[in-house]
C-alpha atoms as a PDB file:
ATOM      1  CA  MET A   1      -0.054   0.009  -0.039  1.00  0.00           C
ATOM      2  CA  LEU A   2       2.851   2.408   0.779  1.00  0.00           C
ATOM      3  CA  GLY A   3       5.473   0.804  -1.573  1.00  0.00           C
ATOM      4  CA  TYR A   4       7.676  -0.538   0.861  1.00  0.00           C
ATOM      5  CA  THR A   5       8.647  -4.098   1.201  1.00  0.00           C
ATOM      6  CA  PRO A   6       8.252  -5.638   4.646  1.00  0.00           C
ATOM      7  CA  GLU A   7      11.968  -5.588   5.238  1.00  0.00           C
ATOM      8  CA  GLU A   8      12.220  -1.943   4.305  1.00  0.00           C
ATOM      9  CA  PHE A   9       9.218  -0.927   6.423  1.00  0.00           C
ATOM     10  CA  GLU A  10      10.806  -2.758   9.532  1.00  0.00           C
ATOM     11  CA  ARG A  11      13.920  -0.612   9.230  1.00  0.00           C
ATOM     12  CA  ILE A  12      11.986   2.599   9.023  1.00  0.00           C
ATOM     13  CA  ASP A  13      11.465   4.883  11.979  1.00  0.00           C
ATOM     14  CA  ILE A  14       7.709   4.686  11.913  1.00  0.00           C
ATOM     15  CA  LEU A  15       7.218   8.330  12.905  1.00  0.00           C
ATOM     16  CA  THR A  16       8.991   9.501   9.873  1.00  0.00           C
ATOM     17  CA  VAL A  17       6.543   8.011   7.549  1.00  0.00           C
ATOM     18  CA  PHE A  18       3.576  10.251   8.891  1.00  0.00           C
ATOM     19  CA  HIS A  19       2.693  13.587   7.501  1.00  0.00           C
ATOM     20  CA  PRO A  20       4.309  16.318   9.570  1.00  0.00           C
ATOM     21  CA  ASP A  21       0.890  17.520  10.550  1.00  0.00           C
ATOM     22  CA  ASP A  22      -0.122  14.124  11.718  1.00  0.00           C
ATOM     23  CA  ALA A  23       3.076  13.086  13.429  1.00  0.00           C
ATOM     24  CA  ALA A  24       2.523  15.021  16.680  1.00  0.00           C
ATOM     25  CA  ARG A  25      -1.004  13.359  17.099  1.00  0.00           C
ATOM     26  CA  VAL A  26       0.795   9.937  16.578  1.00  0.00           C
ATOM     27  CA  ARG A  27       3.519  10.689  19.188  1.00  0.00           C
ATOM     28  CA  GLU A  28       0.856  11.607  21.687  1.00  0.00           C
ATOM     29  CA  MET A  29      -1.441   8.637  20.850  1.00  0.00           C
ATOM     30  CA  LEU A  30       0.791   5.968  20.565  1.00  0.00           C
ATOM     31  CA  PRO A  31       2.330   5.997  24.146  1.00  0.00           C
ATOM     32  CA  GLU A  32      -1.202   6.479  25.656  1.00  0.00           C
ATOM     33  CA  CYS A  33      -2.364   3.320  23.790  1.00  0.00           C
ATOM     34  CA  VAL A  34       0.840   1.313  24.815  1.00  0.00           C
ATOM     35  CA  ALA A  35       0.308   2.450  28.525  1.00  0.00           C
ATOM     36  CA  ALA A  36      -3.359   1.852  28.514  1.00  0.00           C
ATOM     37  CA  LYS A  37      -2.972  -1.498  26.546  1.00  0.00           C
ATOM     38  CA  LYS A  38      -5.645  -0.356  24.050  1.00  0.00           C
ATOM     39  CA  GLY A  39      -6.177   0.022  20.410  1.00  0.00           C
ATOM     40  CA  TRP A  40      -7.730   2.445  18.119  1.00  0.00           C
ATOM     41  CA  SER A  41     -10.295   2.403  15.361  1.00  0.00           C
ATOM     42  CA  ASN A  42     -11.000   4.288  12.243  1.00  0.00           C
ATOM     43  CA  TRP A  43      -8.063   6.634  12.658  1.00  0.00           C
ATOM     44  CA  VAL A  44      -7.356   8.709   9.714  1.00  0.00           C
ATOM     45  CA  VAL A  45      -3.800   9.569   9.188  1.00  0.00           C
ATOM     46  CA  ARG A  46      -1.420  10.460   6.231  1.00  0.00           C
ATOM     47  CA  PHE A  47       1.481   8.307   5.437  1.00  0.00           C
ATOM     48  CA  ARG A  48       4.284   9.050   2.894  1.00  0.00           C
ATOM     49  CA  HIS A  49       4.410   6.544  -0.019  1.00  0.00           C
ATOM     50  CA  LYS A  50       7.920   5.298  -1.042  1.00  0.00           C
ATOM     51  CA  ASN A  51       7.430   7.540  -3.977  1.00  0.00           C
ATOM     52  CA  GLY A  52       6.989  10.755  -1.662  1.00  0.00           C
ATOM     53  CA  GLU A  53       3.290  11.056  -2.123  1.00  0.00           C
ATOM     54  CA  TYR A  54       1.148  11.218   0.925  1.00  0.00           C
ATOM     55  CA  ARG A  55      -1.698   8.782   1.107  1.00  0.00           C
ATOM     56  CA  TYR A  56      -4.676   8.940   3.551  1.00  0.00           C
ATOM     57  CA  LEU A  57      -5.078   5.499   5.676  1.00  0.00           C
ATOM     58  CA  GLU A  58      -7.828   4.612   7.791  1.00  0.00           C
ATOM     59  CA  SER A  59      -6.153   2.664  10.545  1.00  0.00           C
ATOM     60  CA  SER A  60      -7.657   0.404  13.216  1.00  0.00           C
ATOM     61  CA  ALA A  61      -5.723  -1.809  15.643  1.00  0.00           C
ATOM     62  CA  THR A  62      -5.832  -3.820  18.847  1.00  0.00           C
ATOM     63  CA  PRO A  63      -2.950  -4.591  21.247  1.00  0.00           C
ATOM     64  CA  ILE A  64      -1.327  -7.978  21.225  1.00  0.00           C
ATOM     65  CA  LEU A  65      -1.026  -9.345  24.659  1.00  0.00           C
ATOM     66  CA  THR A  66       0.997 -12.359  26.083  1.00  0.00           C
ATOM     67  CA  PRO A  67      -1.074 -14.662  28.379  1.00  0.00           C
ATOM     68  CA  GLY A  68       0.595 -12.914  31.205  1.00  0.00           C
ATOM     69  CA  GLY A  69      -0.949  -9.623  29.933  1.00  0.00           C
ATOM     70  CA  VAL A  70       2.199  -8.134  28.670  1.00  0.00           C
ATOM     71  CA  MET A  71       1.750  -6.033  25.471  1.00  0.00           C
ATOM     72  CA  ILE A  72       4.112  -7.084  22.860  1.00  0.00           C
ATOM     73  CA  GLY A  73       2.636  -5.150  19.701  1.00  0.00           C
ATOM     74  CA  PHE A  74      -0.386  -4.238  17.797  1.00  0.00           C
ATOM     75  CA  ARG A  75      -2.496  -6.270  15.197  1.00  0.00           C
ATOM     76  CA  GLY A  76      -4.467  -4.073  12.784  1.00  0.00           C
ATOM     77  CA  THR A  77      -5.625  -3.042   9.449  1.00  0.00           C
ATOM     78  CA  ASP A  78      -5.027   0.015   7.243  1.00  0.00           C
ATOM     79  CA  ARG A  79      -7.274   0.977   4.322  1.00  0.00           C
ATOM     80  CA  ASP A  80      -6.336   3.513   1.710  1.00  0.00           C
ATOM     81  CA  ILE A  81      -8.997   5.959   1.607  1.00  0.00           C
ATOM     82  CA  THR A  82      -7.069   8.514  -0.493  1.00  0.00           C
ATOM     83  CA  GLU A  83      -9.495   8.581  -3.308  1.00  0.00           C
ATOM     84  CA  ARG A  84     -12.333   8.969  -1.011  1.00  0.00           C
ATOM     85  CA  VAL A  85     -10.858  12.000   0.792  1.00  0.00           C
ATOM     86  CA  ARG A  86      -9.927  13.676  -2.628  1.00  0.00           C
ATOM     87  CA  SER A  87     -13.491  13.028  -4.031  1.00  0.00           C
ATOM     88  CA  GLU A  88     -14.959  14.364  -0.741  1.00  0.00           C
ATOM     89  CA  ALA A  89     -12.743  17.495  -1.010  1.00  0.00           C
ATOM     90  CA  ALA A  90     -13.641  18.068  -4.700  1.00  0.00           C
ATOM     91  CA  ARG A  91     -17.270  17.643  -3.741  1.00  0.00           C
ATOM     92  CA  GLU A  92     -16.822  20.250  -0.856  1.00  0.00           C
ATOM     93  CA  SER A  93     -15.153  22.531  -3.563  1.00  0.00           C
ATOM     94  CA  LEU A  94     -18.046  22.259  -6.036  1.00  0.00           C
ATOM     95  CA  ILE A  95     -20.669  22.890  -3.169  1.00  0.00           C
ATOM     96  CA  GLN A  96     -18.783  26.061  -2.156  1.00  0.00           C
ATOM     97  CA  GLU A  97     -18.601  27.145  -5.814  1.00  0.00           C
ATOM     98  CA  LEU A  98     -22.266  26.272  -6.398  1.00  0.00           C
ATOM     99  CA  THR A  99     -23.108  28.306  -3.259  1.00  0.00           C
ATOM    100  CA  GLN A 100     -21.087  31.161  -4.635  1.00  0.00           C
ATOM    101  CA  LYS A 101     -22.960  31.136  -8.021  1.00  0.00           C
ATOM    102  CA  ASN A 102     -26.446  30.980  -6.375  1.00  0.00           C
ATOM    103  CA  ALA A 103     -25.729  33.958  -4.238  1.00  0.00           C
ATOM    104  CA  GLU A 104     -24.510  35.830  -7.477  1.00  0.00           C
ATOM    105  CA  LEU A 105     -27.748  34.610  -9.145  1.00  0.00           C
ATOM    106  CA  GLU A 106     -29.905  36.033  -6.411  1.00  0.00           C
ATOM    107  CA  ARG A 107     -28.116  39.281  -6.460  1.00  0.00           C
ATOM    108  CA  PHE A 108     -28.790  39.393 -10.267  1.00  0.00           C
ATOM    109  CA  ALA A 109     -32.465  38.382  -9.966  1.00  0.00           C
ATOM    110  CA  TYR A 110     -32.798  41.101  -7.348  1.00  0.00           C
ATOM    111  CA  THR A 111     -31.255  43.611  -9.377  1.00  0.00           C
ATOM    112  CA  VAL A 112     -33.327  42.598 -12.375  1.00  0.00           C
ATOM    113  CA  SER A 113     -36.535  42.599 -10.330  1.00  0.00           C
ATOM    114  CA  HIS A 114     -35.634  46.143  -8.987  1.00  0.00           C
ATOM    115  CA  ASP A 115     -34.738  47.387 -12.521  1.00  0.00           C
ATOM    116  CA  LEU A 116     -38.259  46.122 -13.672  1.00  0.00           C
ATOM    117  CA  LYS A 117     -40.264  47.466 -10.761  1.00  0.00           C
ATOM    118  CA  SER A 118     -39.994  51.094 -11.714  1.00  0.00           C
ATOM    119  CA  PRO A 119     -41.029  50.862 -15.257  1.00  0.00           C
ATOM    120  CA  LEU A 120     -43.871  48.665 -14.355  1.00  0.00           C
ATOM    121  CA  ILE A 121     -45.219  51.122 -11.684  1.00  0.00           C
ATOM    122  CA  THR A 122     -44.782  54.027 -14.555  1.00  0.00           C
ATOM    123  CA  ILE A 123     -46.692  51.669 -17.011  1.00  0.00           C
ATOM    124  CA  THR A 124     -49.219  50.915 -14.503  1.00  0.00           C
ATOM    125  CA  GLY A 125     -50.126  54.633 -13.669  1.00  0.00           C
ATOM    126  CA  PHE A 126     -50.273  55.496 -17.401  1.00  0.00           C
ATOM    127  CA  VAL A 127     -52.626  52.694 -17.988  1.00  0.00           C
ATOM    128  CA  GLY A 128     -54.768  54.126 -15.231  1.00  0.00           C
ATOM    129  CA  LEU A 129     -54.741  57.297 -16.910  1.00  0.00           C
ATOM    130  CA  LEU A 130     -55.376  55.620 -20.622  1.00  0.00           C
ATOM    131  CA  SER A 131     -58.414  53.867 -19.150  1.00  0.00           C
ATOM    132  CA  ARG A 132     -59.899  56.952 -17.486  1.00  0.00           C
ATOM    133  CA  ASP A 133     -59.617  59.152 -20.652  1.00  0.00           C
ATOM    134  CA  ALA A 134     -61.043  56.179 -22.705  1.00  0.00           C
ATOM    135  CA  ARG A 135     -64.043  55.788 -20.549  1.00  0.00           C
ATOM    136  CA  GLU A 136     -64.595  59.459 -20.361  1.00  0.00           C
ATOM    137  CA  GLY A 137     -64.158  59.819 -24.247  1.00  0.00           C
ATOM    138  CA  LYS A 138     -61.320  62.179 -23.991  1.00  0.00           C
ATOM    139  CA  THR A 139     -59.822  61.101 -27.395  1.00  0.00           C
ATOM    140  CA  ASP A 140     -57.348  64.185 -27.425  1.00  0.00           C
ATOM    141  CA  GLU A 141     -55.963  63.255 -24.170  1.00  0.00           C
ATOM    142  CA  LEU A 142     -55.537  59.501 -25.073  1.00  0.00           C
ATOM    143  CA  ASN A 143     -52.939  60.676 -27.806  1.00  0.00           C
ATOM    144  CA  GLU A 144     -51.090  62.708 -25.113  1.00  0.00           C
ATOM    145  CA  ASP A 145     -51.237  59.657 -22.684  1.00  0.00           C
ATOM    146  CA  ILE A 146     -49.824  57.442 -25.441  1.00  0.00           C
ATOM    147  CA  ALA A 147     -47.066  60.080 -26.132  1.00  0.00           C
ATOM    148  CA  GLU A 148     -46.285  60.219 -22.277  1.00  0.00           C
ATOM    149  CA  ILE A 149     -46.090  56.335 -22.163  1.00  0.00           C
ATOM    150  CA  SER A 150     -43.756  56.218 -25.222  1.00  0.00           C
ATOM    151  CA  GLN A 151     -41.479  58.952 -23.763  1.00  0.00           C
ATOM    152  CA  ALA A 152     -41.364  57.307 -20.283  1.00  0.00           C
ATOM    153  CA  ALA A 153     -40.516  53.800 -22.047  1.00  0.00           C
ATOM    154  CA  GLY A 154     -37.672  55.391 -23.984  1.00  0.00           C
ATOM    155  CA  ARG A 155     -36.136  56.938 -20.848  1.00  0.00           C
ATOM    156  CA  ASN A 156     -36.359  53.797 -19.051  1.00  0.00           C
ATOM    157  CA  LEU A 157     -34.772  52.004 -21.870  1.00  0.00           C
ATOM    158  CA  ARG A 158     -31.866  54.735 -22.263  1.00  0.00           C
ATOM    159  CA  ARG A 159     -31.338  54.428 -18.426  1.00  0.00           C
ATOM    160  CA  GLN A 160     -31.068  50.522 -18.555  1.00  0.00           C
ATOM    161  CA  ASN A 161     -28.682  50.712 -21.509  1.00  0.00           C
ATOM    162  CA  ARG A 162     -26.577  53.192 -19.629  1.00  0.00           C
ATOM    163  CA  ALA A 163     -26.830  51.046 -16.497  1.00  0.00           C
ATOM    164  CA  HIS A 164     -25.499  47.779 -18.343  1.00  0.00           C
ATOM    165  CA  THR A 165     -22.884  49.422 -20.528  1.00  0.00           C
ATOM    166  CA  GLY A 166     -21.124  51.517 -18.226  1.00  0.00           C
END
């Protein structure tokens, strides 16, 4: 799993194979486990492969005791979970990116909504005037109302164009 032969691994100072950030935890944990004659389970540590790359291993171990209760070592298993850790990190990165994109999309939707609200209020007001003038048969004023709506729409379009180009 780490690229060493059993003979090579036996000659290595085990603490030098751990990632520097994990070595301090191992230095604290191992003496406690030996003193208490206890093991560990599902402990994730980074080991340096023979090629220099660090691999994530999930480690579990139980103490080996003589019939007299003297601890002579540990028996355990290590499982390489490097790909799982990398996949989880990539997933977290994608989640952060999506969260950021969603926030940008919400800001954009708010801006568009705000930009549309003012022209809609103006149009609603003019439609009210048009409706009133049509009910009252004021055809001369209908033409003025249509001209006002056209000018207001033109102003809003020009304002929107300036806001999006500059």
